[in-house]
Amino acid sequence: TIEDTSAVEVRSNLRMEELYQLWQHAAQSAK
């Protein structure tokens, strides 16, 4: 079994308030 070292990922958790801020940021960026 070989683990890829060309890239890695980070597992994290966001609160709903933080996720809402991301949505707001994306919406304003789209506008």
PDB file of all heavy atoms in Angstrom:
ATOM      1  N   THR A   1       0.861  -1.179   0.000  1.00  0.00           N
ATOM      2  CA  THR A   1       0.000   0.000   0.000  1.00  0.00           C
ATOM      3  C   THR A   1       0.899   1.232   0.000  1.00  0.00           C
ATOM      4  O   THR A   1       1.785   1.361   0.839  1.00  0.00           O
ATOM      5  CB  THR A   1      -0.910   0.029   1.238  1.00  0.00           C
ATOM      6  OG1 THR A   1      -1.718  -1.150   1.246  1.00  0.00           O
ATOM      7  CG2 THR A   1      -1.812   1.253   1.208  1.00  0.00           C
ATOM      8  N   ILE A   2       0.673   2.116  -0.975  1.00  0.00           N
ATOM      9  CA  ILE A   2       1.513   3.298  -1.168  1.00  0.00           C
ATOM     10  C   ILE A   2       0.686   4.549  -0.898  1.00  0.00           C
ATOM     11  O   ILE A   2      -0.427   4.688  -1.410  1.00  0.00           O
ATOM     12  CB  ILE A   2       2.092   3.340  -2.591  1.00  0.00           C
ATOM     13  CG1 ILE A   2       2.878   2.054  -2.881  1.00  0.00           C
ATOM     14  CG2 ILE A   2       2.982   4.558  -2.779  1.00  0.00           C
ATOM     15  CD1 ILE A   2       3.339   1.941  -4.319  1.00  0.00           C
ATOM     16  N   GLU A   3       1.234   5.431  -0.083  1.00  0.00           N
ATOM     17  CA  GLU A   3       0.576   6.712   0.209  1.00  0.00           C
ATOM     18  C   GLU A   3       1.162   7.798  -0.690  1.00  0.00           C
ATOM     19  O   GLU A   3       2.380   7.952  -0.780  1.00  0.00           O
ATOM     20  CB  GLU A   3       0.763   7.082   1.681  1.00  0.00           C
ATOM     21  CG  GLU A   3       0.104   8.392   2.062  1.00  0.00           C
ATOM     22  CD  GLU A   3       0.290   8.723   3.527  1.00  0.00           C
ATOM     23  OE1 GLU A   3       0.121   7.819   4.365  1.00  0.00           O
ATOM     24  OE2 GLU A   3       0.622   9.893   3.834  1.00  0.00           O
ATOM     25  N   ASP A   4       0.288   8.533  -1.347  1.00  0.00           N
ATOM     26  CA  ASP A   4       0.708   9.579  -2.270  1.00  0.00           C
ATOM     27  C   ASP A   4       1.341  10.741  -1.500  1.00  0.00           C
ATOM     28  O   ASP A   4       0.779  11.240  -0.526  1.00  0.00           O
ATOM     29  CB  ASP A   4      -0.506  10.078  -3.047  1.00  0.00           C
ATOM     30  CG  ASP A   4      -0.110  11.001  -4.194  1.00  0.00           C
ATOM     31  OD1 ASP A   4       1.104  11.240  -4.378  1.00  0.00           O
ATOM     32  OD2 ASP A   4      -1.017  11.481  -4.901  1.00  0.00           O
ATOM     33  N   THR A   5       2.531  11.147  -1.929  1.00  0.00           N
ATOM     34  CA  THR A   5       3.224  12.272  -1.290  1.00  0.00           C
ATOM     35  C   THR A   5       3.280  13.506  -2.182  1.00  0.00           C
ATOM     36  O   THR A   5       3.889  14.512  -1.799  1.00  0.00           O
ATOM     37  CB  THR A   5       4.667  11.867  -0.918  1.00  0.00           C
ATOM     38  OG1 THR A   5       5.352  11.422  -2.096  1.00  0.00           O
ATOM     39  CG2 THR A   5       4.673  10.767   0.127  1.00  0.00           C
ATOM     40  N   SER A   6       2.682  13.437  -3.350  1.00  0.00           N
ATOM     41  CA  SER A   6       2.684  14.609  -4.222  1.00  0.00           C
ATOM     42  C   SER A   6       1.716  15.676  -3.726  1.00  0.00           C
ATOM     43  O   SER A   6       1.855  16.854  -4.048  1.00  0.00           O
ATOM     44  CB  SER A   6       2.315  14.205  -5.656  1.00  0.00           C
ATOM     45  OG  SER A   6       1.013  13.638  -5.696  1.00  0.00           O
ATOM     46  N   ALA A   7       0.728  15.275  -2.937  1.00  0.00           N
ATOM     47  CA  ALA A   7      -0.236  16.212  -2.360  1.00  0.00           C
ATOM     48  C   ALA A   7      -0.831  15.565  -1.122  1.00  0.00           C
ATOM     49  O   ALA A   7      -0.834  14.335  -0.982  1.00  0.00           O
ATOM     50  CB  ALA A   7      -1.345  16.568  -3.356  1.00  0.00           C
ATOM     51  N   VAL A   8      -1.292  16.410  -0.195  1.00  0.00           N
ATOM     52  CA  VAL A   8      -1.928  15.916   1.023  1.00  0.00           C
ATOM     53  C   VAL A   8      -3.226  16.688   1.239  1.00  0.00           C
ATOM     54  O   VAL A   8      -3.477  17.709   0.591  1.00  0.00           O
ATOM     55  CB  VAL A   8      -1.010  16.063   2.261  1.00  0.00           C
ATOM     56  CG1 VAL A   8       0.206  15.180   2.141  1.00  0.00           C
ATOM     57  CG2 VAL A   8      -0.609  17.516   2.457  1.00  0.00           C
ATOM     58  N   GLU A   9      -4.029  16.202   2.152  1.00  0.00           N
ATOM     59  CA  GLU A   9      -5.267  16.877   2.504  1.00  0.00           C
ATOM     60  C   GLU A   9      -5.311  17.103   4.007  1.00  0.00           C
ATOM     61  O   GLU A   9      -4.644  16.402   4.776  1.00  0.00           O
ATOM     62  CB  GLU A   9      -6.487  16.050   2.073  1.00  0.00           C
ATOM     63  CG  GLU A   9      -6.646  15.971   0.563  1.00  0.00           C
ATOM     64  CD  GLU A   9      -7.937  15.263   0.164  1.00  0.00           C
ATOM     65  OE1 GLU A   9      -8.612  14.709   1.062  1.00  0.00           O
ATOM     66  OE2 GLU A   9      -8.265  15.264  -1.029  1.00  0.00           O
ATOM     67  N   VAL A  10      -6.087  18.078   4.407  1.00  0.00           N
ATOM     68  CA  VAL A  10      -6.293  18.387   5.818  1.00  0.00           C
ATOM     69  C   VAL A  10      -7.783  18.248   6.101  1.00  0.00           C
ATOM     70  O   VAL A  10      -8.605  18.847   5.417  1.00  0.00           O
ATOM     71  CB  VAL A  10      -5.815  19.804   6.165  1.00  0.00           C
ATOM     72  CG1 VAL A  10      -6.037  20.091   7.652  1.00  0.00           C
ATOM     73  CG2 VAL A  10      -4.332  19.966   5.820  1.00  0.00           C
ATOM     74  N   ARG A  11      -8.092  17.445   7.109  1.00  0.00           N
ATOM     75  CA  ARG A  11      -9.488  17.263   7.516  1.00  0.00           C
ATOM     76  C   ARG A  11      -9.798  18.218   8.650  1.00  0.00           C
ATOM     77  O   ARG A  11      -9.072  18.272   9.649  1.00  0.00           O
ATOM     78  CB  ARG A  11      -9.728  15.824   7.947  1.00  0.00           C
ATOM     79  CG  ARG A  11     -11.186  15.514   8.270  1.00  0.00           C
ATOM     80  CD  ARG A  11     -11.396  14.056   8.594  1.00  0.00           C
ATOM     81  NE  ARG A  11     -10.634  13.663   9.771  1.00  0.00           N
ATOM     82  CZ  ARG A  11      -9.821  12.634   9.823  1.00  0.00           C
ATOM     83  NH1 ARG A  11      -9.637  11.896   8.762  1.00  0.00           N
ATOM     84  NH2 ARG A  11      -9.167  12.325  10.927  1.00  0.00           N
ATOM     85  N   SER A  12     -10.867  18.977   8.511  1.00  0.00           N
ATOM     86  CA  SER A  12     -11.226  19.974   9.512  1.00  0.00           C
ATOM     87  C   SER A  12     -12.739  20.042   9.645  1.00  0.00           C
ATOM     88  O   SER A  12     -13.473  19.366   8.914  1.00  0.00           O
ATOM     89  CB  SER A  12     -10.656  21.346   9.130  1.00  0.00           C
ATOM     90  OG  SER A  12     -10.927  22.302  10.143  1.00  0.00           O
ATOM     91  N   ASN A  13     -13.199  20.853  10.619  1.00  0.00           N
ATOM     92  CA  ASN A  13     -14.626  21.031  10.857  1.00  0.00           C
ATOM     93  C   ASN A  13     -14.934  22.511  10.996  1.00  0.00           C
ATOM     94  O   ASN A  13     -14.201  23.247  11.671  1.00  0.00           O
ATOM     95  CB  ASN A  13     -15.074  20.295  12.127  1.00  0.00           C
ATOM     96  CG  ASN A  13     -14.998  18.789  11.972  1.00  0.00           C
ATOM     97  OD1 ASN A  13     -13.917  18.220  11.932  1.00  0.00           O
ATOM     98  ND2 ASN A  13     -16.125  18.134  11.879  1.00  0.00           N
ATOM     99  N   LEU A  14     -16.003  22.948  10.350  1.00  0.00           N
ATOM    100  CA  LEU A  14     -16.433  24.340  10.392  1.00  0.00           C
ATOM    101  C   LEU A  14     -17.762  24.443  11.124  1.00  0.00           C
ATOM    102  O   LEU A  14     -18.651  23.596  10.937  1.00  0.00           O
ATOM    103  CB  LEU A  14     -16.605  24.904   8.975  1.00  0.00           C
ATOM    104  CG  LEU A  14     -15.346  25.051   8.132  1.00  0.00           C
ATOM    105  CD1 LEU A  14     -15.720  25.459   6.709  1.00  0.00           C
ATOM    106  CD2 LEU A  14     -14.400  26.080   8.724  1.00  0.00           C
ATOM    107  N   ARG A  15     -17.871  25.468  11.984  1.00  0.00           N
ATOM    108  CA  ARG A  15     -19.166  25.755  12.586  1.00  0.00           C
ATOM    109  C   ARG A  15     -20.090  26.371  11.550  1.00  0.00           C
ATOM    110  O   ARG A  15     -19.641  26.939  10.557  1.00  0.00           O
ATOM    111  CB  ARG A  15     -18.994  26.697  13.780  1.00  0.00           C
ATOM    112  CG  ARG A  15     -18.230  26.058  14.944  1.00  0.00           C
ATOM    113  CD  ARG A  15     -18.129  26.990  16.131  1.00  0.00           C
ATOM    114  NE  ARG A  15     -17.250  28.119  15.856  1.00  0.00           N
ATOM    115  CZ  ARG A  15     -17.645  29.366  15.701  1.00  0.00           C
ATOM    116  NH1 ARG A  15     -18.940  29.658  15.772  1.00  0.00           N
ATOM    117  NH2 ARG A  15     -16.785  30.324  15.469  1.00  0.00           N
ATOM    118  N   MET A  16     -21.378  26.280  11.791  1.00  0.00           N
ATOM    119  CA  MET A  16     -22.339  26.792  10.828  1.00  0.00           C
ATOM    120  C   MET A  16     -22.190  28.302  10.650  1.00  0.00           C
ATOM    121  O   MET A  16     -22.391  28.825   9.549  1.00  0.00           O
ATOM    122  CB  MET A  16     -23.768  26.462  11.269  1.00  0.00           C
ATOM    123  CG  MET A  16     -24.158  25.008  11.053  1.00  0.00           C
ATOM    124  SD  MET A  16     -23.991  24.459   9.334  1.00  0.00           S
ATOM    125  CE  MET A  16     -25.184  25.522   8.513  1.00  0.00           C
ATOM    126  N   GLU A  17     -21.800  29.018  11.719  1.00  0.00           N
ATOM    127  CA  GLU A  17     -21.581  30.460  11.587  1.00  0.00           C
ATOM    128  C   GLU A  17     -20.425  30.746  10.631  1.00  0.00           C
ATOM    129  O   GLU A  17     -20.497  31.657   9.796  1.00  0.00           O
ATOM    130  CB  GLU A  17     -21.304  31.091  12.955  1.00  0.00           C
ATOM    131  CG  GLU A  17     -22.487  31.075  13.903  1.00  0.00           C
ATOM    132  CD  GLU A  17     -22.600  29.743  14.639  1.00  0.00           C
ATOM    133  OE1 GLU A  17     -21.788  28.836  14.347  1.00  0.00           O
ATOM    134  OE2 GLU A  17     -23.505  29.620  15.488  1.00  0.00           O
ATOM    135  N   GLU A  18     -19.360  29.943  10.742  1.00  0.00           N
ATOM    136  CA  GLU A  18     -18.210  30.127   9.854  1.00  0.00           C
ATOM    137  C   GLU A  18     -18.566  29.752   8.417  1.00  0.00           C
ATOM    138  O   GLU A  18     -18.145  30.423   7.472  1.00  0.00           O
ATOM    139  CB  GLU A  18     -17.042  29.288  10.362  1.00  0.00           C
ATOM    140  CG  GLU A  18     -16.557  29.716  11.740  1.00  0.00           C
ATOM    141  CD  GLU A  18     -15.634  28.697  12.383  1.00  0.00           C
ATOM    142  OE1 GLU A  18     -15.672  27.518  11.980  1.00  0.00           O
ATOM    143  OE2 GLU A  18     -14.890  29.074  13.300  1.00  0.00           O
ATOM    144  N   LEU A  19     -19.343  28.671   8.271  1.00  0.00           N
ATOM    145  CA  LEU A  19     -19.765  28.269   6.933  1.00  0.00           C
ATOM    146  C   LEU A  19     -20.656  29.338   6.309  1.00  0.00           C
ATOM    147  O   LEU A  19     -20.561  29.610   5.102  1.00  0.00           O
ATOM    148  CB  LEU A  19     -20.499  26.934   7.003  1.00  0.00           C
ATOM    149  CG  LEU A  19     -20.888  26.297   5.676  1.00  0.00           C
ATOM    150  CD1 LEU A  19     -19.649  26.018   4.830  1.00  0.00           C
ATOM    151  CD2 LEU A  19     -21.656  25.002   5.911  1.00  0.00           C
ATOM    152  N   TYR A  20     -21.489  29.968   7.113  1.00  0.00           N
ATOM    153  CA  TYR A  20     -22.352  31.042   6.598  1.00  0.00           C
ATOM    154  C   TYR A  20     -21.505  32.215   6.101  1.00  0.00           C
ATOM    155  O   TYR A  20     -21.818  32.837   5.077  1.00  0.00           O
ATOM    156  CB  TYR A  20     -23.299  31.496   7.703  1.00  0.00           C
ATOM    157  CG  TYR A  20     -24.168  32.671   7.301  1.00  0.00           C
ATOM    158  CD1 TYR A  20     -25.244  32.497   6.438  1.00  0.00           C
ATOM    159  CD2 TYR A  20     -23.897  33.950   7.769  1.00  0.00           C
ATOM    160  CE1 TYR A  20     -26.038  33.566   6.059  1.00  0.00           C
ATOM    161  CE2 TYR A  20     -24.679  35.026   7.405  1.00  0.00           C
ATOM    162  CZ  TYR A  20     -25.752  34.828   6.550  1.00  0.00           C
ATOM    163  OH  TYR A  20     -26.522  35.890   6.183  1.00  0.00           O
ATOM    164  N   GLN A  21     -20.426  32.521   6.808  1.00  0.00           N
ATOM    165  CA  GLN A  21     -19.534  33.597   6.351  1.00  0.00           C
ATOM    166  C   GLN A  21     -18.893  33.240   5.012  1.00  0.00           C
ATOM    167  O   GLN A  21     -18.724  34.113   4.145  1.00  0.00           O
ATOM    168  CB  GLN A  21     -18.457  33.855   7.402  1.00  0.00           C
ATOM    169  CG  GLN A  21     -19.000  34.438   8.696  1.00  0.00           C
ATOM    170  CD  GLN A  21     -17.951  34.532   9.778  1.00  0.00           C
ATOM    171  OE1 GLN A  21     -16.756  34.434   9.497  1.00  0.00           O
ATOM    172  NE2 GLN A  21     -18.385  34.705  11.015  1.00  0.00           N
ATOM    173  N   LEU A  22     -18.555  31.966   4.804  1.00  0.00           N
ATOM    174  CA  LEU A  22     -18.006  31.548   3.512  1.00  0.00           C
ATOM    175  C   LEU A  22     -19.039  31.722   2.408  1.00  0.00           C
ATOM    176  O   LEU A  22     -18.728  32.172   1.303  1.00  0.00           O
ATOM    177  CB  LEU A  22     -17.549  30.093   3.581  1.00  0.00           C
ATOM    178  CG  LEU A  22     -16.388  29.760   4.517  1.00  0.00           C
ATOM    179  CD1 LEU A  22     -16.087  28.276   4.474  1.00  0.00           C
ATOM    180  CD2 LEU A  22     -15.156  30.559   4.171  1.00  0.00           C
ATOM    181  N   TRP A  23     -20.284  31.350   2.697  1.00  0.00           N
ATOM    182  CA  TRP A  23     -21.342  31.514   1.700  1.00  0.00           C
ATOM    183  C   TRP A  23     -21.537  32.991   1.353  1.00  0.00           C
ATOM    184  O   TRP A  23     -21.695  33.344   0.192  1.00  0.00           O
ATOM    185  CB  TRP A  23     -22.642  30.934   2.238  1.00  0.00           C
ATOM    186  CG  TRP A  23     -22.671  29.441   2.264  1.00  0.00           C
ATOM    187  CD1 TRP A  23     -21.887  28.592   1.538  1.00  0.00           C
ATOM    188  CD2 TRP A  23     -23.510  28.618   3.067  1.00  0.00           C
ATOM    189  NE1 TRP A  23     -22.184  27.291   1.837  1.00  0.00           N
ATOM    190  CE2 TRP A  23     -23.187  27.262   2.777  1.00  0.00           C
ATOM    191  CE3 TRP A  23     -24.495  28.867   4.008  1.00  0.00           C
ATOM    192  CZ2 TRP A  23     -23.828  26.198   3.384  1.00  0.00           C
ATOM    193  CZ3 TRP A  23     -25.142  27.797   4.607  1.00  0.00           C
ATOM    194  CH2 TRP A  23     -24.810  26.483   4.298  1.00  0.00           C
ATOM    195  N   GLN A  24     -21.527  33.832   2.398  1.00  0.00           N
ATOM    196  CA  GLN A  24     -21.687  35.258   2.152  1.00  0.00           C
ATOM    197  C   GLN A  24     -20.541  35.805   1.313  1.00  0.00           C
ATOM    198  O   GLN A  24     -20.735  36.609   0.396  1.00  0.00           O
ATOM    199  CB  GLN A  24     -21.757  36.016   3.487  1.00  0.00           C
ATOM    200  CG  GLN A  24     -23.031  35.765   4.275  1.00  0.00           C
ATOM    201  CD  GLN A  24     -24.237  36.350   3.573  1.00  0.00           C
ATOM    202  OE1 GLN A  24     -24.956  35.656   2.857  1.00  0.00           O
ATOM    203  NE2 GLN A  24     -24.464  37.627   3.751  1.00  0.00           N
ATOM    204  N   HIS A  25     -19.347  35.379   1.624  1.00  0.00           N
ATOM    205  CA  HIS A  25     -18.168  35.817   0.866  1.00  0.00           C
ATOM    206  C   HIS A  25     -18.279  35.393  -0.591  1.00  0.00           C
ATOM    207  O   HIS A  25     -18.007  36.173  -1.510  1.00  0.00           O
ATOM    208  CB  HIS A  25     -16.919  35.221   1.504  1.00  0.00           C
ATOM    209  CG  HIS A  25     -15.635  35.621   0.833  1.00  0.00           C
ATOM    210  ND1 HIS A  25     -15.141  34.956  -0.270  1.00  0.00           N
ATOM    211  CD2 HIS A  25     -14.766  36.620   1.089  1.00  0.00           C
ATOM    212  CE1 HIS A  25     -14.020  35.518  -0.647  1.00  0.00           C
ATOM    213  NE2 HIS A  25     -13.770  36.533   0.157  1.00  0.00           N
ATOM    214  N   ALA A  26     -18.697  34.130  -0.823  1.00  0.00           N
ATOM    215  CA  ALA A  26     -18.833  33.634  -2.192  1.00  0.00           C
ATOM    216  C   ALA A  26     -19.922  34.392  -2.937  1.00  0.00           C
ATOM    217  O   ALA A  26     -19.777  34.715  -4.123  1.00  0.00           O
ATOM    218  CB  ALA A  26     -19.129  32.142  -2.176  1.00  0.00           C
ATOM    219  N   ALA A  27     -21.034  34.691  -2.253  1.00  0.00           N
ATOM    220  CA  ALA A  27     -22.120  35.410  -2.907  1.00  0.00           C
ATOM    221  C   ALA A  27     -21.697  36.815  -3.304  1.00  0.00           C
ATOM    222  O   ALA A  27     -21.973  37.275  -4.418  1.00  0.00           O
ATOM    223  CB  ALA A  27     -23.332  35.462  -1.974  1.00  0.00           C
ATOM    224  N   GLN A  28     -20.998  37.518  -2.408  1.00  0.00           N
ATOM    225  CA  GLN A  28     -20.558  38.875  -2.730  1.00  0.00           C
ATOM    226  C   GLN A  28     -19.478  38.865  -3.804  1.00  0.00           C
ATOM    227  O   GLN A  28     -19.415  39.759  -4.643  1.00  0.00           O
ATOM    228  CB  GLN A  28     -20.061  39.566  -1.465  1.00  0.00           C
ATOM    229  CG  GLN A  28     -21.155  39.797  -0.437  1.00  0.00           C
ATOM    230  CD  GLN A  28     -20.695  40.650   0.716  1.00  0.00           C
ATOM    231  OE1 GLN A  28     -19.656  41.300   0.644  1.00  0.00           O
ATOM    232  NE2 GLN A  28     -21.472  40.645   1.787  1.00  0.00           N
ATOM    233  N   SER A  29     -18.626  37.831  -3.781  1.00  0.00           N
ATOM    234  CA  SER A  29     -17.606  37.724  -4.828  1.00  0.00           C
ATOM    235  C   SER A  29     -18.253  37.497  -6.185  1.00  0.00           C
ATOM    236  O   SER A  29     -17.816  38.039  -7.200  1.00  0.00           O
ATOM    237  CB  SER A  29     -16.630  36.583  -4.508  1.00  0.00           C
ATOM    238  OG  SER A  29     -15.955  36.832  -3.301  1.00  0.00           O
ATOM    239  N   ALA A  30     -19.319  36.670  -6.206  1.00  0.00           N
ATOM    240  CA  ALA A  30     -20.015  36.410  -7.470  1.00  0.00           C
ATOM    241  C   ALA A  30     -20.663  37.688  -7.985  1.00  0.00           C
ATOM    242  O   ALA A  30     -20.668  37.949  -9.190  1.00  0.00           O
ATOM    243  CB  ALA A  30     -21.051  35.313  -7.275  1.00  0.00           C
ATOM    244  N   LYS A  31     -21.216  38.484  -7.081  1.00  0.00           N
ATOM    245  CA  LYS A  31     -21.840  39.735  -7.508  1.00  0.00           C
ATOM    246  C   LYS A  31     -20.824  40.696  -8.103  1.00  0.00           C
ATOM    247  O   LYS A  31     -21.105  41.438  -9.034  1.00  0.00           O
ATOM    248  CB  LYS A  31     -22.536  40.388  -6.318  1.00  0.00           C
ATOM    249  CG  LYS A  31     -23.784  39.667  -5.856  1.00  0.00           C
ATOM    250  CD  LYS A  31     -24.422  40.391  -4.676  1.00  0.00           C
ATOM    251  CE  LYS A  31     -25.668  39.657  -4.204  1.00  0.00           C
ATOM    252  NZ  LYS A  31     -26.274  40.327  -3.038  1.00  0.00           N
TER     253      LYS A  31
END
